[in-house]
Amino acid sequence: MNGGMASLEAVREALFAQPVSDALLEEFRAHMQVESQRAIWDMTVFNLPLLPFKERPPLFIAGAEHDVMVPPFLVQATAHSYGTPAHIFEGMGHDLTHEQNWTHVAETLKQWLDSQLP
């Protein structure tokens, strides 16, 4: 961190596994801020919903092989708890929608959405 701001390399390591331009990293860094304590609390085991008592719609649970923020084993554990498969995208980092292979993620999601239609 540089004076409270993440370095471009820190942003790259946290969000991406594939090559990404410094311009995109600068754009992401400009939107970064300290995580709120409320958000962190909401993501802990102390505030998880009671799954057996919730009616759930179909879920598409996605993760990335090289995600350092939400590692694949956590994505797989989440999917397992909901009784649905995890989609782990190989060679990708946390920001699936901005990796070079983002179209593969979009196509996989589209195929899943199409399979959910009556």
PDB file of N, CA and C in Angstrom:
ATOM      1  N   MET A   1       0.855  -1.173   0.000  1.00  0.00           N
ATOM      2  CA  MET A   1       0.000   0.000   0.000  1.00  0.00           C
ATOM      3  C   MET A   1       0.898   1.233   0.000  1.00  0.00           C
ATOM      4  N   ASN A   2       0.496   2.218  -0.738  1.00  0.00           N
ATOM      5  CA  ASN A   2       1.231   3.463  -0.864  1.00  0.00           C
ATOM      6  C   ASN A   2       0.391   4.594  -0.316  1.00  0.00           C
ATOM      7  N   GLY A   3       0.635   5.025   0.907  1.00  0.00           N
ATOM      8  CA  GLY A   3      -0.165   6.088   1.489  1.00  0.00           C
ATOM      9  C   GLY A   3      -1.635   5.711   1.566  1.00  0.00           C
ATOM     10  N   GLY A   4      -1.947   4.462   1.860  1.00  0.00           N
ATOM     11  CA  GLY A   4      -3.335   4.035   1.951  1.00  0.00           C
ATOM     12  C   GLY A   4      -3.910   3.551   0.634  1.00  0.00           C
ATOM     13  N   MET A   5      -3.164   3.690  -0.456  1.00  0.00           N
ATOM     14  CA  MET A   5      -3.674   3.263  -1.760  1.00  0.00           C
ATOM     15  C   MET A   5      -2.901   2.040  -2.219  1.00  0.00           C
ATOM     16  N   ALA A   6      -3.613   1.064  -2.709  1.00  0.00           N
ATOM     17  CA  ALA A   6      -2.985  -0.165  -3.183  1.00  0.00           C
ATOM     18  C   ALA A   6      -2.124   0.126  -4.409  1.00  0.00           C
ATOM     19  N   SER A   7      -1.007  -0.572  -4.512  1.00  0.00           N
ATOM     20  CA  SER A   7      -0.174  -0.444  -5.704  1.00  0.00           C
ATOM     21  C   SER A   7      -0.866  -1.148  -6.869  1.00  0.00           C
ATOM     22  N   LEU A   8      -0.459  -0.804  -8.071  1.00  0.00           N
ATOM     23  CA  LEU A   8      -1.026  -1.487  -9.236  1.00  0.00           C
ATOM     24  C   LEU A   8      -0.748  -2.981  -9.164  1.00  0.00           C
ATOM     25  N   GLU A   9       0.425  -3.345  -8.680  1.00  0.00           N
ATOM     26  CA  GLU A   9       0.763  -4.763  -8.572  1.00  0.00           C
ATOM     27  C   GLU A   9      -0.134  -5.460  -7.560  1.00  0.00           C
ATOM     28  N   ALA A  10      -0.465  -4.796  -6.462  1.00  0.00           N
ATOM     29  CA  ALA A  10      -1.369  -5.383  -5.464  1.00  0.00           C
ATOM     30  C   ALA A  10      -2.760  -5.593  -6.057  1.00  0.00           C
ATOM     31  N   VAL A  11      -3.227  -4.634  -6.851  1.00  0.00           N
ATOM     32  CA  VAL A  11      -4.532  -4.764  -7.509  1.00  0.00           C
ATOM     33  C   VAL A  11      -4.491  -5.930  -8.491  1.00  0.00           C
ATOM     34  N   ARG A  12      -3.411  -6.006  -9.257  1.00  0.00           N
ATOM     35  CA  ARG A  12      -3.247  -7.093 -10.231  1.00  0.00           C
ATOM     36  C   ARG A  12      -3.270  -8.449  -9.522  1.00  0.00           C
ATOM     37  N   GLU A  13      -2.530  -8.583  -8.440  1.00  0.00           N
ATOM     38  CA  GLU A  13      -2.449  -9.860  -7.727  1.00  0.00           C
ATOM     39  C   GLU A  13      -3.773 -10.229  -7.065  1.00  0.00           C
ATOM     40  N   ALA A  14      -4.513  -9.243  -6.601  1.00  0.00           N
ATOM     41  CA  ALA A  14      -5.773  -9.524  -5.915  1.00  0.00           C
ATOM     42  C   ALA A  14      -6.893  -9.900  -6.876  1.00  0.00           C
ATOM     43  N   LEU A  15      -6.896  -9.336  -8.084  1.00  0.00           N
ATOM     44  CA  LEU A  15      -8.056  -9.478  -8.949  1.00  0.00           C
ATOM     45  C   LEU A  15      -7.845 -10.278 -10.217  1.00  0.00           C
ATOM     46  N   PHE A  16      -6.617 -10.395 -10.695  1.00  0.00           N
ATOM     47  CA  PHE A  16      -6.399 -10.975 -12.014  1.00  0.00           C
ATOM     48  C   PHE A  16      -5.359 -12.086 -12.001  1.00  0.00           C
ATOM     49  N   ALA A  17      -5.534 -13.044 -12.905  1.00  0.00           N
ATOM     50  CA  ALA A  17      -4.532 -14.083 -13.130  1.00  0.00           C
ATOM     51  C   ALA A  17      -3.952 -13.949 -14.527  1.00  0.00           C
ATOM     52  N   GLN A  18      -4.705 -13.347 -15.429  1.00  0.00           N
ATOM     53  CA  GLN A  18      -4.273 -13.176 -16.807  1.00  0.00           C
ATOM     54  C   GLN A  18      -3.722 -11.755 -16.987  1.00  0.00           C
ATOM     55  N   PRO A  19      -2.968 -11.528 -18.060  1.00  0.00           N
ATOM     56  CA  PRO A  19      -2.433 -10.184 -18.290  1.00  0.00           C
ATOM     57  C   PRO A  19      -3.554  -9.144 -18.373  1.00  0.00           C
ATOM     58  N   VAL A  20      -3.292  -7.972 -17.824  1.00  0.00           N
ATOM     59  CA  VAL A  20      -4.262  -6.883 -17.828  1.00  0.00           C
ATOM     60  C   VAL A  20      -3.493  -5.569 -17.951  1.00  0.00           C
ATOM     61  N   SER A  21      -4.099  -4.602 -18.602  1.00  0.00           N
ATOM     62  CA  SER A  21      -3.411  -3.333 -18.840  1.00  0.00           C
ATOM     63  C   SER A  21      -3.317  -2.503 -17.556  1.00  0.00           C
ATOM     64  N   ASP A  22      -2.276  -1.674 -17.487  1.00  0.00           N
ATOM     65  CA  ASP A  22      -2.143  -0.758 -16.357  1.00  0.00           C
ATOM     66  C   ASP A  22      -3.312   0.225 -16.310  1.00  0.00           C
ATOM     67  N   ALA A  23      -3.866   0.575 -17.477  1.00  0.00           N
ATOM     68  CA  ALA A  23      -5.004   1.498 -17.516  1.00  0.00           C
ATOM     69  C   ALA A  23      -6.211   0.901 -16.795  1.00  0.00           C
ATOM     70  N   LEU A  24      -6.479  -0.380 -17.031  1.00  0.00           N
ATOM     71  CA  LEU A  24      -7.594  -1.022 -16.346  1.00  0.00           C
ATOM     72  C   LEU A  24      -7.307  -1.132 -14.853  1.00  0.00           C
ATOM     73  N   LEU A  25      -6.068  -1.442 -14.501  1.00  0.00           N
ATOM     74  CA  LEU A  25      -5.705  -1.507 -13.085  1.00  0.00           C
ATOM     75  C   LEU A  25      -5.894  -0.155 -12.410  1.00  0.00           C
ATOM     76  N   GLU A  26      -5.506   0.912 -13.092  1.00  0.00           N
ATOM     77  CA  GLU A  26      -5.700   2.270 -12.541  1.00  0.00           C
ATOM     78  C   GLU A  26      -7.181   2.565 -12.338  1.00  0.00           C
ATOM     79  N   GLU A  27      -8.012   2.129 -13.288  1.00  0.00           N
ATOM     80  CA  GLU A  27      -9.456   2.343 -13.174  1.00  0.00           C
ATOM     81  C   GLU A  27     -10.011   1.600 -11.956  1.00  0.00           C
ATOM     82  N   PHE A  28      -9.591   0.376 -11.777  1.00  0.00           N
ATOM     83  CA  PHE A  28     -10.042  -0.406 -10.621  1.00  0.00           C
ATOM     84  C   PHE A  28      -9.562   0.225  -9.321  1.00  0.00           C
ATOM     85  N   ARG A  29      -8.285   0.628  -9.300  1.00  0.00           N
ATOM     86  CA  ARG A  29      -7.711   1.221  -8.091  1.00  0.00           C
ATOM     87  C   ARG A  29      -8.441   2.496  -7.706  1.00  0.00           C
ATOM     88  N   ALA A  30      -8.881   3.262  -8.687  1.00  0.00           N
ATOM     89  CA  ALA A  30      -9.588   4.512  -8.411  1.00  0.00           C
ATOM     90  C   ALA A  30     -10.907   4.272  -7.684  1.00  0.00           C
ATOM     91  N   HIS A  31     -11.473   3.080  -7.819  1.00  0.00           N
ATOM     92  CA  HIS A  31     -12.751   2.755  -7.189  1.00  0.00           C
ATOM     93  C   HIS A  31     -12.597   1.993  -5.874  1.00  0.00           C
ATOM     94  N   MET A  32     -11.365   1.697  -5.493  1.00  0.00           N
ATOM     95  CA  MET A  32     -11.149   0.907  -4.283  1.00  0.00           C
ATOM     96  C   MET A  32     -11.266   1.774  -3.041  1.00  0.00           C
ATOM     97  N   GLN A  33     -11.730   1.148  -1.961  1.00  0.00           N
ATOM     98  CA  GLN A  33     -11.824   1.826  -0.675  1.00  0.00           C
ATOM     99  C   GLN A  33     -11.694   0.788   0.423  1.00  0.00           C
ATOM    100  N   VAL A  34     -11.563   1.238   1.639  1.00  0.00           N
ATOM    101  CA  VAL A  34     -11.481   0.321   2.767  1.00  0.00           C
ATOM    102  C   VAL A  34     -12.832  -0.382   2.900  1.00  0.00           C
ATOM    103  N   GLU A  35     -12.792  -1.700   3.121  1.00  0.00           N
ATOM    104  CA  GLU A  35     -14.027  -2.478   3.263  1.00  0.00           C
ATOM    105  C   GLU A  35     -14.757  -2.066   4.533  1.00  0.00           C
ATOM    106  N   SER A  36     -16.071  -1.959   4.426  1.00  0.00           N
ATOM    107  CA  SER A  36     -16.854  -1.580   5.605  1.00  0.00           C
ATOM    108  C   SER A  36     -16.915  -2.739   6.591  1.00  0.00           C
ATOM    109  N   GLN A  37     -16.924  -2.414   7.866  1.00  0.00           N
ATOM    110  CA  GLN A  37     -17.031  -3.455   8.888  1.00  0.00           C
ATOM    111  C   GLN A  37     -18.359  -4.191   8.763  1.00  0.00           C
ATOM    112  N   ARG A  38     -19.415  -3.496   8.356  1.00  0.00           N
ATOM    113  CA  ARG A  38     -20.723  -4.137   8.188  1.00  0.00           C
ATOM    114  C   ARG A  38     -20.654  -5.207   7.097  1.00  0.00           C
ATOM    115  N   ALA A  39     -19.995  -4.892   5.988  1.00  0.00           N
ATOM    116  CA  ALA A  39     -19.862  -5.865   4.899  1.00  0.00           C
ATOM    117  C   ALA A  39     -19.077  -7.087   5.366  1.00  0.00           C
ATOM    118  N   ILE A  40     -18.007  -6.855   6.103  1.00  0.00           N
ATOM    119  CA  ILE A  40     -17.210  -7.973   6.611  1.00  0.00           C
ATOM    120  C   ILE A  40     -18.063  -8.819   7.551  1.00  0.00           C
ATOM    121  N   TRP A  41     -18.840  -8.192   8.433  1.00  0.00           N
ATOM    122  CA  TRP A  41     -19.715  -8.930   9.346  1.00  0.00           C
ATOM    123  C   TRP A  41     -20.723  -9.761   8.554  1.00  0.00           C
ATOM    124  N   ASP A  42     -21.306  -9.171   7.513  1.00  0.00           N
ATOM    125  CA  ASP A  42     -22.305  -9.870   6.705  1.00  0.00           C
ATOM    126  C   ASP A  42     -21.726 -11.088   5.976  1.00  0.00           C
ATOM    127  N   MET A  43     -20.418 -11.112   5.778  1.00  0.00           N
ATOM    128  CA  MET A  43     -19.789 -12.225   5.065  1.00  0.00           C
ATOM    129  C   MET A  43     -19.237 -13.295   5.999  1.00  0.00           C
ATOM    130  N   THR A  44     -19.417 -13.139   7.301  1.00  0.00           N
ATOM    131  CA  THR A  44     -18.883 -14.110   8.242  1.00  0.00           C
ATOM    132  C   THR A  44     -19.926 -15.165   8.578  1.00  0.00           C
ATOM    133  N   VAL A  45     -19.480 -16.210   9.240  1.00  0.00           N
ATOM    134  CA  VAL A  45     -20.388 -17.292   9.619  1.00  0.00           C
ATOM    135  C   VAL A  45     -21.407 -16.857  10.653  1.00  0.00           C
ATOM    136  N   PHE A  46     -21.203 -15.722  11.281  1.00  0.00           N
ATOM    137  CA  PHE A  46     -22.130 -15.270  12.311  1.00  0.00           C
ATOM    138  C   PHE A  46     -23.421 -14.712  11.740  1.00  0.00           C
ATOM    139  N   ASN A  47     -23.430 -14.414  10.453  1.00  0.00           N
ATOM    140  CA  ASN A  47     -24.607 -13.790   9.866  1.00  0.00           C
ATOM    141  C   ASN A  47     -25.102 -14.534   8.624  1.00  0.00           C
ATOM    142  N   LEU A  48     -24.783 -15.817   8.521  1.00  0.00           N
ATOM    143  CA  LEU A  48     -25.222 -16.582   7.361  1.00  0.00           C
ATOM    144  C   LEU A  48     -26.699 -16.937   7.489  1.00  0.00           C
ATOM    145  N   PRO A  49     -27.416 -17.021   6.359  1.00  0.00           N
ATOM    146  CA  PRO A  49     -28.834 -17.394   6.417  1.00  0.00           C
ATOM    147  C   PRO A  49     -28.993 -18.854   6.842  1.00  0.00           C
ATOM    148  N   LEU A  50     -30.138 -19.164   7.397  1.00  0.00           N
ATOM    149  CA  LEU A  50     -30.453 -20.547   7.767  1.00  0.00           C
ATOM    150  C   LEU A  50     -30.963 -21.252   6.516  1.00  0.00           C
ATOM    151  N   LEU A  51     -30.080 -21.970   5.854  1.00  0.00           N
ATOM    152  CA  LEU A  51     -30.375 -22.557   4.551  1.00  0.00           C
ATOM    153  C   LEU A  51     -31.593 -23.477   4.536  1.00  0.00           C
ATOM    154  N   PRO A  52     -31.780 -24.348   5.526  1.00  0.00           N
ATOM    155  CA  PRO A  52     -32.933 -25.254   5.440  1.00  0.00           C
ATOM    156  C   PRO A  52     -34.280 -24.529   5.465  1.00  0.00           C
ATOM    157  N   PHE A  53     -34.302 -23.284   5.919  1.00  0.00           N
ATOM    158  CA  PHE A  53     -35.556 -22.563   6.060  1.00  0.00           C
ATOM    159  C   PHE A  53     -35.795 -21.545   4.949  1.00  0.00           C
ATOM    160  N   LYS A  54     -34.947 -21.540   3.961  1.00  0.00           N
ATOM    161  CA  LYS A  54     -35.062 -20.572   2.876  1.00  0.00           C
ATOM    162  C   LYS A  54     -35.477 -21.267   1.583  1.00  0.00           C
ATOM    163  N   GLU A  55     -36.440 -20.675   0.891  1.00  0.00           N
ATOM    164  CA  GLU A  55     -36.773 -21.155  -0.452  1.00  0.00           C
ATOM    165  C   GLU A  55     -35.794 -20.479  -1.397  1.00  0.00           C
ATOM    166  N   ARG A  56     -35.118 -21.279  -2.205  1.00  0.00           N
ATOM    167  CA  ARG A  56     -34.065 -20.717  -3.047  1.00  0.00           C
ATOM    168  C   ARG A  56     -34.386 -20.851  -4.526  1.00  0.00           C
ATOM    169  N   PRO A  57     -34.063 -19.836  -5.278  1.00  0.00           N
ATOM    170  CA  PRO A  57     -34.136 -19.964  -6.741  1.00  0.00           C
ATOM    171  C   PRO A  57     -32.930 -20.772  -7.209  1.00  0.00           C
ATOM    172  N   PRO A  58     -32.887 -21.164  -8.472  1.00  0.00           N
ATOM    173  CA  PRO A  58     -31.689 -21.838  -8.995  1.00  0.00           C
ATOM    174  C   PRO A  58     -30.473 -20.922  -8.819  1.00  0.00           C
ATOM    175  N   LEU A  59     -29.336 -21.503  -8.518  1.00  0.00           N
ATOM    176  CA  LEU A  59     -28.127 -20.726  -8.262  1.00  0.00           C
ATOM    177  C   LEU A  59     -27.012 -21.109  -9.219  1.00  0.00           C
ATOM    178  N   PHE A  60     -26.324 -20.110  -9.732  1.00  0.00           N
ATOM    179  CA  PHE A  60     -25.110 -20.298 -10.526  1.00  0.00           C
ATOM    180  C   PHE A  60     -23.974 -19.805  -9.644  1.00  0.00           C
ATOM    181  N   ILE A  61     -23.142 -20.710  -9.186  1.00  0.00           N
ATOM    182  CA  ILE A  61     -22.058 -20.357  -8.267  1.00  0.00           C
ATOM    183  C   ILE A  61     -20.746 -20.475  -9.029  1.00  0.00           C
ATOM    184  N   ALA A  62     -20.046 -19.347  -9.149  1.00  0.00           N
ATOM    185  CA  ALA A  62     -18.833 -19.287  -9.958  1.00  0.00           C
ATOM    186  C   ALA A  62     -17.642 -18.840  -9.128  1.00  0.00           C
ATOM    187  N   GLY A  63     -16.483 -19.345  -9.505  1.00  0.00           N
ATOM    188  CA  GLY A  63     -15.235 -18.947  -8.884  1.00  0.00           C
ATOM    189  C   GLY A  63     -14.110 -19.067  -9.888  1.00  0.00           C
ATOM    190  N   ALA A  64     -12.918 -18.719  -9.435  1.00  0.00           N
ATOM    191  CA  ALA A  64     -11.760 -18.728 -10.322  1.00  0.00           C
ATOM    192  C   ALA A  64     -10.618 -19.513  -9.694  1.00  0.00           C
ATOM    193  N   GLU A  65      -9.910 -20.235 -10.538  1.00  0.00           N
ATOM    194  CA  GLU A  65      -8.803 -21.084 -10.095  1.00  0.00           C
ATOM    195  C   GLU A  65      -7.757 -20.304  -9.298  1.00  0.00           C
ATOM    196  N   HIS A  66      -7.457 -19.083  -9.717  1.00  0.00           N
ATOM    197  CA  HIS A  66      -6.391 -18.303  -9.086  1.00  0.00           C
ATOM    198  C   HIS A  66      -6.933 -17.133  -8.271  1.00  0.00           C
ATOM    199  N   ASP A  67      -8.124 -17.263  -7.750  1.00  0.00           N
ATOM    200  CA  ASP A  67      -8.730 -16.209  -6.938  1.00  0.00           C
ATOM    201  C   ASP A  67      -8.085 -16.215  -5.558  1.00  0.00           C
ATOM    202  N   VAL A  68      -7.422 -15.117  -5.195  1.00  0.00           N
ATOM    203  CA  VAL A  68      -6.790 -15.039  -3.874  1.00  0.00           C
ATOM    204  C   VAL A  68      -7.735 -14.439  -2.831  1.00  0.00           C
ATOM    205  N   MET A  69      -8.831 -13.829  -3.272  1.00  0.00           N
ATOM    206  CA  MET A  69      -9.778 -13.223  -2.343  1.00  0.00           C
ATOM    207  C   MET A  69     -10.834 -14.230  -1.881  1.00  0.00           C
ATOM    208  N   VAL A  70     -11.341 -15.031  -2.813  1.00  0.00           N
ATOM    209  CA  VAL A  70     -12.309 -16.093  -2.500  1.00  0.00           C
ATOM    210  C   VAL A  70     -11.784 -17.357  -3.182  1.00  0.00           C
ATOM    211  N   PRO A  71     -10.932 -18.097  -2.485  1.00  0.00           N
ATOM    212  CA  PRO A  71     -10.300 -19.273  -3.105  1.00  0.00           C
ATOM    213  C   PRO A  71     -11.323 -20.322  -3.551  1.00  0.00           C
ATOM    214  N   PRO A  72     -10.952 -21.122  -4.546  1.00  0.00           N
ATOM    215  CA  PRO A  72     -11.875 -22.124  -5.081  1.00  0.00           C
ATOM    216  C   PRO A  72     -12.488 -23.044  -4.026  1.00  0.00           C
ATOM    217  N   PHE A  73     -11.734 -23.398  -2.990  1.00  0.00           N
ATOM    218  CA  PHE A  73     -12.300 -24.316  -1.995  1.00  0.00           C
ATOM    219  C   PHE A  73     -13.482 -23.676  -1.272  1.00  0.00           C
ATOM    220  N   LEU A  74     -13.478 -22.353  -1.105  1.00  0.00           N
ATOM    221  CA  LEU A  74     -14.616 -21.680  -0.483  1.00  0.00           C
ATOM    222  C   LEU A  74     -15.818 -21.641  -1.428  1.00  0.00           C
ATOM    223  N   VAL A  75     -15.556 -21.443  -2.709  1.00  0.00           N
ATOM    224  CA  VAL A  75     -16.629 -21.463  -3.703  1.00  0.00           C
ATOM    225  C   VAL A  75     -17.252 -22.857  -3.746  1.00  0.00           C
ATOM    226  N   GLN A  76     -16.402 -23.875  -3.742  1.00  0.00           N
ATOM    227  CA  GLN A  76     -16.900 -25.255  -3.766  1.00  0.00           C
ATOM    228  C   GLN A  76     -17.680 -25.582  -2.496  1.00  0.00           C
ATOM    229  N   ALA A  77     -17.236 -25.092  -1.353  1.00  0.00           N
ATOM    230  CA  ALA A  77     -17.962 -25.329  -0.101  1.00  0.00           C
ATOM    231  C   ALA A  77     -19.326 -24.647  -0.134  1.00  0.00           C
ATOM    232  N   THR A  78     -19.372 -23.446  -0.681  1.00  0.00           N
ATOM    233  CA  THR A  78     -20.649 -22.737  -0.808  1.00  0.00           C
ATOM    234  C   THR A  78     -21.596 -23.518  -1.708  1.00  0.00           C
ATOM    235  N   ALA A  79     -21.098 -23.939  -2.857  1.00  0.00           N
ATOM    236  CA  ALA A  79     -21.932 -24.710  -3.786  1.00  0.00           C
ATOM    237  C   ALA A  79     -22.429 -25.988  -3.127  1.00  0.00           C
ATOM    238  N   HIS A  80     -21.548 -26.660  -2.408  1.00  0.00           N
ATOM    239  CA  HIS A  80     -21.942 -27.893  -1.726  1.00  0.00           C
ATOM    240  C   HIS A  80     -23.052 -27.628  -0.714  1.00  0.00           C
ATOM    241  N   SER A  81     -22.946 -26.522   0.022  1.00  0.00           N
ATOM    242  CA  SER A  81     -23.961 -26.217   1.033  1.00  0.00           C
ATOM    243  C   SER A  81     -25.320 -25.933   0.397  1.00  0.00           C
ATOM    244  N   TYR A  82     -25.324 -25.474  -0.840  1.00  0.00           N
ATOM    245  CA  TYR A  82     -26.580 -25.221  -1.548  1.00  0.00           C
ATOM    246  C   TYR A  82     -27.000 -26.404  -2.418  1.00  0.00           C
ATOM    247  N   GLY A  83     -26.177 -27.448  -2.474  1.00  0.00           N
ATOM    248  CA  GLY A  83     -26.514 -28.620  -3.272  1.00  0.00           C
ATOM    249  C   GLY A  83     -26.502 -28.355  -4.767  1.00  0.00           C
ATOM    250  N   THR A  84     -25.572 -27.528  -5.203  1.00  0.00           N
ATOM    251  CA  THR A  84     -25.465 -27.188  -6.624  1.00  0.00           C
ATOM    252  C   THR A  84     -23.999 -27.220  -7.032  1.00  0.00           C
ATOM    253  N   PRO A  85     -23.693 -27.407  -8.304  1.00  0.00           N
ATOM    254  CA  PRO A  85     -22.283 -27.462  -8.708  1.00  0.00           C
ATOM    255  C   PRO A  85     -21.610 -26.095  -8.660  1.00  0.00           C
ATOM    256  N   ALA A  86     -20.322 -26.111  -8.453  1.00  0.00           N
ATOM    257  CA  ALA A  86     -19.507 -24.899  -8.543  1.00  0.00           C
ATOM    258  C   ALA A  86     -18.883 -24.848  -9.931  1.00  0.00           C
ATOM    259  N   HIS A  87     -18.839 -23.691 -10.509  1.00  0.00           N
ATOM    260  CA  HIS A  87     -18.185 -23.478 -11.797  1.00  0.00           C
ATOM    261  C   HIS A  87     -16.879 -22.744 -11.496  1.00  0.00           C
ATOM    262  N   ILE A  88     -15.761 -23.465 -11.537  1.00  0.00           N
ATOM    263  CA  ILE A  88     -14.453 -22.874 -11.271  1.00  0.00           C
ATOM    264  C   ILE A  88     -13.755 -22.677 -12.611  1.00  0.00           C
ATOM    265  N   PHE A  89     -13.467 -21.435 -12.942  1.00  0.00           N
ATOM    266  CA  PHE A  89     -12.873 -21.112 -14.232  1.00  0.00           C
ATOM    267  C   PHE A  89     -11.354 -21.147 -14.140  1.00  0.00           C
ATOM    268  N   GLU A  90     -10.761 -22.039 -14.949  1.00  0.00           N
ATOM    269  CA  GLU A  90      -9.317 -22.262 -14.933  1.00  0.00           C
ATOM    270  C   GLU A  90      -8.556 -21.059 -15.472  1.00  0.00           C
ATOM    271  N   GLY A  91      -7.396 -20.825 -14.867  1.00  0.00           N
ATOM    272  CA  GLY A  91      -6.489 -19.792 -15.349  1.00  0.00           C
ATOM    273  C   GLY A  91      -6.987 -18.380 -15.138  1.00  0.00           C
ATOM    274  N   MET A  92      -7.988 -18.208 -14.294  1.00  0.00           N
ATOM    275  CA  MET A  92      -8.571 -16.879 -14.095  1.00  0.00           C
ATOM    276  C   MET A  92      -8.457 -16.463 -12.635  1.00  0.00           C
ATOM    277  N   GLY A  93      -8.567 -15.135 -12.406  1.00  0.00           N
ATOM    278  CA  GLY A  93      -8.523 -14.561 -11.074  1.00  0.00           C
ATOM    279  C   GLY A  93      -9.890 -14.066 -10.645  1.00  0.00           C
ATOM    280  N   HIS A  94      -9.921 -13.330  -9.553  1.00  0.00           N
ATOM    281  CA  HIS A  94     -11.159 -12.914  -8.900  1.00  0.00           C
ATOM    282  C   HIS A  94     -12.122 -12.166  -9.829  1.00  0.00           C
ATOM    283  N   ASP A  95     -11.603 -11.305 -10.665  1.00  0.00           N
ATOM    284  CA  ASP A  95     -12.477 -10.486 -11.507  1.00  0.00           C
ATOM    285  C   ASP A  95     -12.756 -11.169 -12.842  1.00  0.00           C
ATOM    286  N   LEU A  96     -13.616 -12.171 -12.798  1.00  0.00           N
ATOM    287  CA  LEU A  96     -13.932 -12.979 -13.980  1.00  0.00           C
ATOM    288  C   LEU A  96     -14.414 -12.148 -15.162  1.00  0.00           C
ATOM    289  N   THR A  97     -15.133 -11.082 -14.911  1.00  0.00           N
ATOM    290  CA  THR A  97     -15.728 -10.304 -15.997  1.00  0.00           C
ATOM    291  C   THR A  97     -14.720  -9.414 -16.723  1.00  0.00           C
ATOM    292  N   HIS A  98     -13.510  -9.286 -16.191  1.00  0.00           N
ATOM    293  CA  HIS A  98     -12.511  -8.448 -16.844  1.00  0.00           C
ATOM    294  C   HIS A  98     -11.253  -9.204 -17.240  1.00  0.00           C
ATOM    295  N   GLU A  99     -11.238 -10.516 -17.031  1.00  0.00           N
ATOM    296  CA  GLU A  99     -10.114 -11.315 -17.504  1.00  0.00           C
ATOM    297  C   GLU A  99     -10.206 -11.430 -19.023  1.00  0.00           C
ATOM    298  N   GLN A 100      -9.104 -11.802 -19.660  1.00  0.00           N
ATOM    299  CA  GLN A 100      -9.090 -11.917 -21.120  1.00  0.00           C
ATOM    300  C   GLN A 100     -10.091 -12.959 -21.613  1.00  0.00           C
ATOM    301  N   ASN A 101     -10.330 -14.001 -20.854  1.00  0.00           N
ATOM    302  CA  ASN A 101     -11.251 -15.064 -21.262  1.00  0.00           C
ATOM    303  C   ASN A 101     -12.658 -14.851 -20.722  1.00  0.00           C
ATOM    304  N   TRP A 102     -13.057 -13.616 -20.493  1.00  0.00           N
ATOM    305  CA  TRP A 102     -14.369 -13.328 -19.908  1.00  0.00           C
ATOM    306  C   TRP A 102     -15.508 -13.878 -20.756  1.00  0.00           C
ATOM    307  N   THR A 103     -15.302 -13.999 -22.066  1.00  0.00           N
ATOM    308  CA  THR A 103     -16.384 -14.510 -22.914  1.00  0.00           C
ATOM    309  C   THR A 103     -16.704 -15.969 -22.595  1.00  0.00           C
ATOM    310  N   HIS A 104     -15.712 -16.731 -22.130  1.00  0.00           N
ATOM    311  CA  HIS A 104     -15.960 -18.117 -21.717  1.00  0.00           C
ATOM    312  C   HIS A 104     -16.889 -18.139 -20.498  1.00  0.00           C
ATOM    313  N   VAL A 105     -16.658 -17.238 -19.566  1.00  0.00           N
ATOM    314  CA  VAL A 105     -17.516 -17.135 -18.384  1.00  0.00           C
ATOM    315  C   VAL A 105     -18.931 -16.754 -18.822  1.00  0.00           C
ATOM    316  N   ALA A 106     -19.030 -15.753 -19.691  1.00  0.00           N
ATOM    317  CA  ALA A 106     -20.345 -15.295 -20.160  1.00  0.00           C
ATOM    318  C   ALA A 106     -21.090 -16.412 -20.895  1.00  0.00           C
ATOM    319  N   GLU A 107     -20.397 -17.158 -21.725  1.00  0.00           N
ATOM    320  CA  GLU A 107     -21.038 -18.252 -22.464  1.00  0.00           C
ATOM    321  C   GLU A 107     -21.498 -19.363 -21.521  1.00  0.00           C
ATOM    322  N   THR A 108     -20.682 -19.675 -20.530  1.00  0.00           N
ATOM    323  CA  THR A 108     -21.069 -20.694 -19.543  1.00  0.00           C
ATOM    324  C   THR A 108     -22.307 -20.255 -18.784  1.00  0.00           C
ATOM    325  N   LEU A 109     -22.338 -18.990 -18.385  1.00  0.00           N
ATOM    326  CA  LEU A 109     -23.507 -18.460 -17.684  1.00  0.00           C
ATOM    327  C   LEU A 109     -24.731 -18.455 -18.594  1.00  0.00           C
ATOM    328  N   LYS A 110     -24.555 -18.086 -19.860  1.00  0.00           N
ATOM    329  CA  LYS A 110     -25.671 -18.094 -20.809  1.00  0.00           C
ATOM    330  C   LYS A 110     -26.225 -19.508 -20.982  1.00  0.00           C
ATOM    331  N   GLN A 111     -25.341 -20.482 -21.120  1.00  0.00           N
ATOM    332  CA  GLN A 111     -25.803 -21.870 -21.261  1.00  0.00           C
ATOM    333  C   GLN A 111     -26.578 -22.303 -20.016  1.00  0.00           C
ATOM    334  N   TRP A 112     -26.093 -21.907 -18.842  1.00  0.00           N
ATOM    335  CA  TRP A 112     -26.798 -22.267 -17.611  1.00  0.00           C
ATOM    336  C   TRP A 112     -28.169 -21.586 -17.571  1.00  0.00           C
ATOM    337  N   LEU A 113     -28.208 -20.296 -17.920  1.00  0.00           N
ATOM    338  CA  LEU A 113     -29.490 -19.581 -17.942  1.00  0.00           C
ATOM    339  C   LEU A 113     -30.466 -20.240 -18.915  1.00  0.00           C
ATOM    340  N   ASP A 114     -29.978 -20.591 -20.108  1.00  0.00           N
ATOM    341  CA  ASP A 114     -30.835 -21.258 -21.090  1.00  0.00           C
ATOM    342  C   ASP A 114     -31.371 -22.582 -20.542  1.00  0.00           C
ATOM    343  N   SER A 115     -30.549 -23.274 -19.761  1.00  0.00           N
ATOM    344  CA  SER A 115     -30.991 -24.569 -19.206  1.00  0.00           C
ATOM    345  C   SER A 115     -32.049 -24.390 -18.111  1.00  0.00           C
ATOM    346  N   GLN A 116     -32.172 -23.185 -17.574  1.00  0.00           N
ATOM    347  CA  GLN A 116     -33.137 -22.928 -16.513  1.00  0.00           C
ATOM    348  C   GLN A 116     -34.510 -22.519 -17.054  1.00  0.00           C
ATOM    349  N   LEU A 117     -34.562 -22.200 -18.351  1.00  0.00           N
ATOM    350  CA  LEU A 117     -35.832 -21.788 -18.946  1.00  0.00           C
ATOM    351  C   LEU A 117     -36.749 -22.992 -19.122  1.00  0.00           C
ATOM    352  N   PRO A 118     -38.061 -22.784 -18.916  1.00  0.00           N
ATOM    353  CA  PRO A 118     -39.001 -23.915 -19.074  1.00  0.00           C
ATOM    354  C   PRO A 118     -39.105 -24.367 -20.531  1.00  0.00           C
TER     355      PRO A 118
END
